[in-house]
Protein backbone atom coordinates (compact mmCIF):
# COMPACT_ATOMS: atom_id res chain seq x y z
CA UNK A 1 18.05 45.27 40.58
CA UNK A 2 18.19 48.33 38.33
CA UNK A 3 18.92 47.84 34.63
CA UNK A 4 19.55 50.82 32.36
CA UNK A 5 19.65 50.26 28.61
CA UNK A 6 20.62 52.89 26.03
CA UNK A 7 19.31 55.73 28.16
CA UNK A 8 19.29 59.17 26.52
CA UNK A 9 17.92 62.60 27.41
CA UNK A 10 17.77 65.69 25.27
CA UNK A 11 16.89 69.19 26.46
CA UNK A 12 16.25 71.10 23.26
CA UNK A 13 19.54 71.11 21.34
CA UNK A 14 21.49 69.79 24.35
CA UNK A 15 22.01 66.03 24.60
CA UNK A 16 22.63 65.60 28.33
CA UNK A 17 22.73 61.78 28.35
CA UNK A 18 23.66 59.61 25.36
CA UNK A 19 23.18 55.84 25.30
CA UNK A 20 24.01 55.10 28.94
CA UNK A 21 23.76 51.41 29.88
CA UNK A 22 24.62 49.63 33.13
CA UNK A 23 23.23 47.22 35.71
CA UNK A 24 23.11 47.83 39.47
CA UNK A 25 22.64 44.41 41.14
CA UNK A 26 21.04 43.55 44.47
CA UNK A 27 23.33 43.37 47.48
CA UNK A 28 25.87 45.66 45.84
CA UNK A 29 26.76 49.36 45.89
CA UNK A 30 27.05 50.83 42.41
CA UNK A 31 28.65 54.25 42.12
CA UNK A 32 27.92 56.71 39.35
CA UNK A 33 31.02 58.85 38.96
CA UNK A 34 31.68 61.70 36.58
CA UNK A 35 32.90 65.28 36.16
CA UNK A 36 30.72 68.36 36.30
CA UNK A 37 27.91 68.20 33.74
CA UNK A 38 28.56 64.55 32.89
CA UNK A 39 24.87 63.60 33.18
CA UNK A 40 24.89 61.77 36.53
CA UNK A 41 21.97 63.60 38.11
CA UNK A 42 19.94 63.50 34.90
CA UNK A 43 20.50 59.75 34.71
CA UNK A 44 19.41 59.21 38.31
CA UNK A 45 16.29 61.31 37.77
CA UNK A 46 15.33 59.16 34.81
CA UNK A 47 15.94 56.00 36.82
CA UNK A 48 13.73 57.45 39.57
CA UNK A 49 10.97 58.22 36.98
CA UNK A 50 11.24 61.95 37.76
CA UNK A 51 12.27 62.57 34.14
CA UNK A 52 11.08 60.75 31.04
CA UNK A 53 13.97 59.58 28.82
CA UNK A 54 14.20 60.67 25.21
CA UNK A 55 15.30 57.13 24.36
CA UNK A 56 16.25 53.90 26.08
CA UNK A 57 14.72 51.99 28.95
CA UNK A 58 14.91 51.59 32.72
CA UNK A 59 13.81 48.39 34.45
CA UNK A 60 13.59 48.05 38.21
CA UNK A 61 13.23 44.47 39.44
CA UNK A 62 12.09 43.61 35.91
CA UNK A 63 9.41 46.32 35.78
CA UNK A 64 9.56 48.74 32.85
CA UNK A 65 9.65 52.27 34.26
CA UNK A 66 7.90 53.74 31.22
CA UNK A 67 5.14 51.14 31.29
CA UNK A 68 4.41 51.19 35.03
CA UNK A 69 6.13 54.13 36.76
CA UNK A 70 3.99 53.83 39.90
CA UNK A 71 5.10 50.23 40.44
CA UNK A 72 8.71 51.31 39.99
CA UNK A 73 8.34 54.17 42.47
CA UNK A 74 6.98 51.71 45.03
CA UNK A 75 10.21 49.71 44.73
CA UNK A 76 12.69 52.56 45.01
CA UNK A 77 13.69 55.04 47.66
CA UNK A 78 15.21 58.08 46.01
CA UNK A 79 17.09 60.96 47.59
CA UNK A 80 17.89 63.96 45.43
CA UNK A 81 18.80 66.44 48.20
CA UNK A 82 17.97 67.40 51.79
CA UNK A 83 15.68 70.28 50.89
CA UNK A 84 11.91 70.12 51.22
CA UNK A 85 11.61 69.19 54.90
CA UNK A 86 8.68 70.79 56.67
CA UNK A 87 10.39 73.12 59.15
CA UNK A 88 7.48 73.24 61.64
CA UNK A 89 7.33 69.46 61.88
CA UNK A 90 9.64 67.26 63.91
CA UNK A 91 11.92 64.76 62.21
CA UNK A 92 9.53 61.98 63.26
CA UNK A 93 6.54 63.84 61.81
CA UNK A 94 8.34 64.52 58.53
CA UNK A 95 9.18 60.84 58.09
CA UNK A 96 5.73 59.65 59.21
CA UNK A 97 3.98 62.01 56.81
CA UNK A 98 5.73 60.47 53.82
CA UNK A 99 5.00 56.98 55.12
CA UNK A 100 1.32 57.78 55.37
CA UNK A 101 1.35 59.31 51.86
CA UNK A 102 2.50 55.89 50.66
CA UNK A 103 -0.47 54.27 52.36
CA UNK A 104 1.53 52.54 55.09
CA UNK A 105 -0.35 51.79 58.33
CA UNK A 106 0.68 54.00 61.23
CA UNK A 107 1.97 51.08 63.30
CA UNK A 108 4.19 49.99 60.42
CA UNK A 109 5.37 53.58 59.98
CA UNK A 110 6.33 53.74 63.66
CA UNK A 111 8.27 50.49 63.34
CA UNK A 112 10.02 51.79 60.24
CA UNK A 113 10.97 55.04 61.98
CA UNK A 114 12.48 53.12 64.88
CA UNK A 115 14.51 50.97 62.48
CA UNK A 116 15.71 53.95 60.46
CA UNK A 117 16.54 55.97 63.56
CA UNK A 118 18.91 53.18 64.59
CA UNK A 119 20.37 52.86 61.09
CA UNK A 120 21.01 56.60 60.69
CA UNK A 121 21.68 57.52 64.34
CA UNK A 122 18.60 59.73 64.40
CA UNK A 123 17.27 58.98 67.89
CA UNK A 124 18.30 62.33 69.49
CA UNK A 125 16.69 64.26 66.61
CA UNK A 126 13.36 62.52 66.19
CA UNK A 127 11.22 64.81 68.32
CA UNK A 128 12.90 68.10 67.42
CA UNK A 129 11.49 70.43 64.79
CA UNK A 130 13.66 70.32 61.68
CA UNK A 131 13.88 74.12 61.57
CA UNK A 132 17.49 74.95 62.43
CA UNK A 133 18.82 71.45 61.66
CA UNK A 134 22.35 71.28 60.28
CA UNK A 135 22.92 70.05 56.72
CA UNK A 136 23.91 66.64 58.04
CA UNK A 137 20.85 66.37 60.27
CA UNK A 138 18.59 67.38 57.39
CA UNK A 139 20.24 64.81 55.13
CA UNK A 140 19.64 62.02 57.63
CA UNK A 141 15.95 62.92 57.89
CA UNK A 142 15.65 63.14 54.10
CA UNK A 143 17.24 59.69 53.70
CA UNK A 144 14.92 58.23 56.34
CA UNK A 145 11.96 59.78 54.52
CA UNK A 146 13.10 58.12 51.27
CA UNK A 147 13.47 54.72 52.98
CA UNK A 148 10.35 54.72 55.15
CA UNK A 149 8.63 52.12 52.92
CA UNK A 150 11.65 49.77 53.08
CA UNK A 151 12.32 49.76 49.31
CA UNK A 152 14.56 47.07 47.79
CA UNK A 153 16.30 49.69 45.61
CA UNK A 154 17.94 52.85 46.98
CA UNK A 155 19.05 55.82 44.85
CA UNK A 156 21.19 58.51 46.47
CA UNK A 157 22.39 61.60 44.62
CA UNK A 158 25.49 63.06 46.34
CA UNK A 159 24.32 61.95 49.84
CA UNK A 160 27.41 63.25 51.66
CA UNK A 161 27.79 66.54 49.79
CA UNK A 162 28.64 69.31 52.26
CA UNK A 163 28.64 67.08 55.34
CA UNK A 164 31.18 67.04 58.13
CA UNK A 165 33.52 64.11 58.67
CA UNK A 166 31.52 62.37 61.41
CA UNK A 167 28.20 62.61 59.58
CA UNK A 168 29.85 61.36 56.39
CA UNK A 169 31.23 58.34 58.28
CA UNK A 170 27.77 57.66 59.72
CA UNK A 171 26.11 57.75 56.31
CA UNK A 172 28.79 55.54 54.78
CA UNK A 173 28.13 52.95 57.47
CA UNK A 174 24.39 53.21 56.76
CA UNK A 175 25.06 52.48 53.08
CA UNK A 176 27.12 49.42 54.04
CA UNK A 177 24.25 48.14 56.18
CA UNK A 178 21.80 48.61 53.33
CA UNK A 179 24.12 46.49 51.18
CA UNK A 180 24.28 43.84 53.89
CA UNK A 181 20.47 43.77 53.89
CA UNK A 182 20.56 42.86 50.20
CA UNK A 183 19.46 46.24 48.86
CA UNK A 184 20.45 47.50 45.45
CA UNK A 185 22.22 50.81 46.19
CA UNK A 186 22.94 53.25 43.36
CA UNK A 187 24.56 56.54 44.25
CA UNK A 188 26.47 59.37 42.67
CA UNK A 189 29.47 61.03 44.24
CA UNK A 190 32.42 63.24 43.39
CA UNK A 191 34.40 62.14 46.48
CA UNK A 192 36.97 59.61 45.32
CA UNK A 193 37.64 58.17 48.79
CA UNK A 194 33.92 57.54 49.19
CA UNK A 195 33.71 55.67 45.90
CA UNK A 196 36.80 53.59 46.70
CA UNK A 197 35.53 52.75 50.19
CA UNK A 198 31.94 51.84 49.29
CA UNK A 199 31.55 50.73 45.69
CA UNK A 200 31.45 47.17 44.42
CA UNK A 201 30.91 48.49 40.89
CA UNK A 202 31.68 51.87 39.33
CA UNK A 203 30.12 53.48 36.26
CA UNK A 204 32.12 56.47 35.00
CA UNK A 205 30.19 58.88 32.81
CA UNK A 206 31.70 61.68 30.77
CA UNK A 207 29.91 64.05 28.41
CA UNK A 208 26.72 62.04 28.78
CA UNK A 209 28.26 58.68 27.88
CA UNK A 210 29.71 55.72 29.79
CA UNK A 211 33.50 56.06 29.71
CA UNK A 212 34.19 52.94 31.80
CA UNK A 213 32.44 50.51 34.11
CA UNK A 214 33.46 47.65 36.34
CA UNK A 215 34.93 46.96 39.76
CA UNK A 216 37.40 49.49 41.20
CA UNK A 217 40.17 47.03 40.33
CA UNK A 218 38.95 46.73 36.73
CA UNK A 219 38.71 50.52 36.41
CA UNK A 220 42.30 50.94 37.59
CA UNK A 221 43.46 48.17 35.24
CA UNK A 222 41.67 49.77 32.28
CA UNK A 223 43.48 53.04 32.97
CA UNK A 224 46.80 51.34 33.61
CA UNK A 225 47.37 52.83 37.04
CA UNK A 226 46.97 51.94 40.71
CA UNK A 227 45.31 55.14 41.91
CA UNK A 228 41.53 55.40 41.38
CA UNK A 229 41.59 59.18 41.09
CA UNK A 230 44.30 59.05 38.45
CA UNK A 231 42.32 56.34 36.63
CA UNK A 232 39.28 58.61 36.64
CA UNK A 233 41.27 61.50 35.16
CA UNK A 234 42.81 59.32 32.46
CA UNK A 235 39.49 57.76 31.46
CA UNK A 236 37.54 61.02 31.31
CA UNK A 237 40.19 63.62 30.60
CA UNK A 238 38.70 65.77 33.37
CA UNK A 239 39.21 66.52 37.05
CA UNK A 240 36.62 65.27 39.54
CA UNK A 241 33.63 67.47 40.18
CA UNK A 242 29.94 67.50 40.86
CA UNK A 243 27.40 66.96 38.10
């Protein structure tokens, strides 16, 4: 479980995140939704311990991220983007390298790769060099790399951004299976159909603050409309976009 309490981040005179609070429970998919520049990515980076907050706290499975960031990192698998793959290595070698960096025994790494290859439909790609991979292929390898240690908490920042329809469907199904396995899944997206199809809970952020949170049904009720996209626009006063 991920618990965020009064999270804030300031970059000089710019207050990117202001008092954000929410809980992402186990066995649920929690979506972080907001317009361009709303503070979604900054929030996820603080949750992942990649950025130190200016104020507030993050707890992952009860562990204070500020007090023991290494313990928190061991319990999360975080994907920020699909860049950073080693082009001369195969998909299998890229994933195995990160498993070994985490101190996982090679046999366990091999078992994890086999499990993730099935989850993400990676089998045909495993022994190909990642140089020349499509965006969707790179994303699948990057997600597998983030999950190689079988973390109980999964953080995905725009995982389907720029992907084709079939790859997007494949990744959505992978997220559903992670939920079925009892994982806490926290992801950001600007694709309204994706949020409606996957999310048990939604946190809408606007101008660095939480504008609304709750189930999709509760979000629509709060906005007084049946369409989730229209509810988003009413609650934020913006159109959907990346951020």
